[in-house]
Amino acid sequence: MGAFTTFSTLNVDLVKLINSKEDKALVVYVVSTYVGGILSAAAGLVIGRLL
């Protein structure tokens, strides 16, 4: 359930940013969360394989 609630929180934050018309903050938030998450997962896989 942790992933479900985390994803729900992400979506609530995105909707708040969309409604507040803060386009710059929205782009930074989306890029940092999605790209950062994918990069973190990839780094975890690489480190895991090295161990």
N, C-alpha and C. Protein backbone atom coordinates (compact mmCIF):
# COMPACT_ATOMS: atom_id res chain seq x y z
N MET A 1 0.81 -1.20 0.00
CA MET A 1 0.00 0.00 0.00
C MET A 1 0.86 1.27 0.00
N GLY A 2 2.13 1.14 0.32
CA GLY A 2 2.99 2.33 0.35
C GLY A 2 3.09 3.00 -0.99
N ALA A 3 3.26 2.21 -2.05
CA ALA A 3 3.36 2.79 -3.39
C ALA A 3 2.05 3.45 -3.80
N PHE A 4 0.94 2.86 -3.41
CA PHE A 4 -0.37 3.42 -3.76
C PHE A 4 -0.56 4.79 -3.12
N THR A 5 -0.24 4.91 -1.84
CA THR A 5 -0.44 6.19 -1.16
C THR A 5 0.57 7.22 -1.63
N THR A 6 1.79 6.80 -1.95
CA THR A 6 2.80 7.74 -2.44
C THR A 6 2.38 8.28 -3.80
N PHE A 7 1.88 7.42 -4.67
CA PHE A 7 1.44 7.86 -5.99
C PHE A 7 0.22 8.78 -5.87
N SER A 8 -0.66 8.50 -4.93
CA SER A 8 -1.82 9.37 -4.71
C SER A 8 -1.38 10.75 -4.25
N THR A 9 -0.40 10.80 -3.36
CA THR A 9 0.12 12.08 -2.89
C THR A 9 0.76 12.86 -4.04
N LEU A 10 1.49 12.16 -4.88
CA LEU A 10 2.09 12.80 -6.06
C LEU A 10 1.01 13.43 -6.93
N ASN A 11 -0.05 12.71 -7.18
CA ASN A 11 -1.14 13.23 -8.02
C ASN A 11 -1.85 14.41 -7.37
N VAL A 12 -2.06 14.37 -6.08
CA VAL A 12 -2.69 15.49 -5.38
C VAL A 12 -1.82 16.74 -5.52
N ASP A 13 -0.52 16.58 -5.34
CA ASP A 13 0.39 17.72 -5.49
C ASP A 13 0.38 18.26 -6.92
N LEU A 14 0.34 17.37 -7.90
CA LEU A 14 0.28 17.81 -9.29
C LEU A 14 -1.00 18.60 -9.57
N VAL A 15 -2.12 18.12 -9.08
CA VAL A 15 -3.39 18.82 -9.29
C VAL A 15 -3.37 20.19 -8.61
N LYS A 16 -2.80 20.27 -7.42
CA LYS A 16 -2.69 21.56 -6.73
C LYS A 16 -1.86 22.54 -7.54
N LEU A 17 -0.75 22.07 -8.10
CA LEU A 17 0.10 22.95 -8.91
C LEU A 17 -0.60 23.36 -10.20
N ILE A 18 -1.34 22.46 -10.81
CA ILE A 18 -2.09 22.80 -12.02
C ILE A 18 -3.14 23.84 -11.71
N ASN A 19 -3.87 23.66 -10.62
CA ASN A 19 -4.93 24.60 -10.25
C ASN A 19 -4.38 25.97 -9.85
N SER A 20 -3.17 26.01 -9.33
CA SER A 20 -2.59 27.29 -8.90
C SER A 20 -1.91 28.02 -10.05
N LYS A 21 -1.91 27.41 -11.23
CA LYS A 21 -1.33 28.03 -12.43
C LYS A 21 0.16 28.30 -12.30
N GLU A 22 0.86 27.52 -11.50
CA GLU A 22 2.30 27.68 -11.34
C GLU A 22 3.00 26.71 -12.30
N ASP A 23 3.11 27.14 -13.55
CA ASP A 23 3.63 26.26 -14.60
C ASP A 23 5.09 25.87 -14.37
N LYS A 24 5.89 26.83 -13.96
CA LYS A 24 7.31 26.55 -13.76
C LYS A 24 7.50 25.53 -12.63
N ALA A 25 6.81 25.73 -11.54
CA ALA A 25 6.90 24.80 -10.41
C ALA A 25 6.37 23.42 -10.81
N LEU A 26 5.33 23.39 -11.62
CA LEU A 26 4.76 22.13 -12.08
C LEU A 26 5.78 21.34 -12.90
N VAL A 27 6.44 22.00 -13.84
CA VAL A 27 7.43 21.33 -14.68
C VAL A 27 8.60 20.82 -13.83
N VAL A 28 9.08 21.65 -12.93
CA VAL A 28 10.20 21.24 -12.07
C VAL A 28 9.79 20.04 -11.21
N TYR A 29 8.59 20.06 -10.67
CA TYR A 29 8.11 18.98 -9.82
C TYR A 29 7.96 17.68 -10.60
N VAL A 30 7.36 17.75 -11.78
CA VAL A 30 7.15 16.55 -12.59
C VAL A 30 8.49 15.95 -13.02
N VAL A 31 9.38 16.79 -13.52
CA VAL A 31 10.68 16.29 -13.98
C VAL A 31 11.47 15.71 -12.81
N SER A 32 11.49 16.42 -11.70
CA SER A 32 12.30 15.94 -10.57
C SER A 32 11.74 14.64 -9.98
N THR A 33 10.43 14.51 -9.91
CA THR A 33 9.88 13.29 -9.31
C THR A 33 9.95 12.10 -10.26
N TYR A 34 9.55 12.28 -11.50
CA TYR A 34 9.55 11.14 -12.42
C TYR A 34 10.96 10.78 -12.87
N VAL A 35 11.72 11.76 -13.34
CA VAL A 35 13.08 11.47 -13.80
C VAL A 35 13.95 11.06 -12.62
N GLY A 36 13.82 11.76 -11.51
CA GLY A 36 14.58 11.41 -10.32
C GLY A 36 14.25 10.01 -9.83
N GLY A 37 13.00 9.65 -9.88
CA GLY A 37 12.59 8.31 -9.45
C GLY A 37 13.14 7.21 -10.34
N ILE A 38 13.10 7.44 -11.64
CA ILE A 38 13.62 6.46 -12.59
C ILE A 38 15.13 6.33 -12.44
N LEU A 39 15.82 7.46 -12.30
CA LEU A 39 17.27 7.42 -12.12
C LEU A 39 17.65 6.73 -10.80
N SER A 40 16.88 6.98 -9.76
CA SER A 40 17.15 6.33 -8.48
C SER A 40 16.93 4.82 -8.57
N ALA A 41 15.89 4.41 -9.26
CA ALA A 41 15.64 2.97 -9.43
C ALA A 41 16.77 2.32 -10.23
N ALA A 42 17.21 2.99 -11.29
CA ALA A 42 18.31 2.46 -12.10
C ALA A 42 19.59 2.36 -11.28
N ALA A 43 19.87 3.37 -10.48
CA ALA A 43 21.05 3.35 -9.63
C ALA A 43 20.96 2.20 -8.62
N GLY A 44 19.79 1.97 -8.08
CA GLY A 44 19.59 0.86 -7.15
C GLY A 44 19.84 -0.49 -7.80
N LEU A 45 19.40 -0.64 -9.04
CA LEU A 45 19.64 -1.89 -9.76
C LEU A 45 21.14 -2.10 -10.01
N VAL A 46 21.82 -1.05 -10.43
CA VAL A 46 23.26 -1.16 -10.69
C VAL A 46 24.02 -1.49 -9.40
N ILE A 47 23.71 -0.78 -8.35
CA ILE A 47 24.40 -1.02 -7.08
C ILE A 47 24.09 -2.42 -6.57
N GLY A 48 22.84 -2.85 -6.70
CA GLY A 48 22.46 -4.18 -6.28
C GLY A 48 23.20 -5.27 -7.02
N ARG A 49 23.40 -5.07 -8.30
CA ARG A 49 24.14 -6.07 -9.09
C ARG A 49 25.62 -6.09 -8.74
N LEU A 50 26.16 -4.95 -8.34
CA LEU A 50 27.56 -4.88 -7.97
C LEU A 50 27.83 -5.56 -6.62
N LEU A 51 26.82 -5.61 -5.80
CA LEU A 51 26.98 -6.24 -4.48
C LEU A 51 26.76 -7.71 -4.66
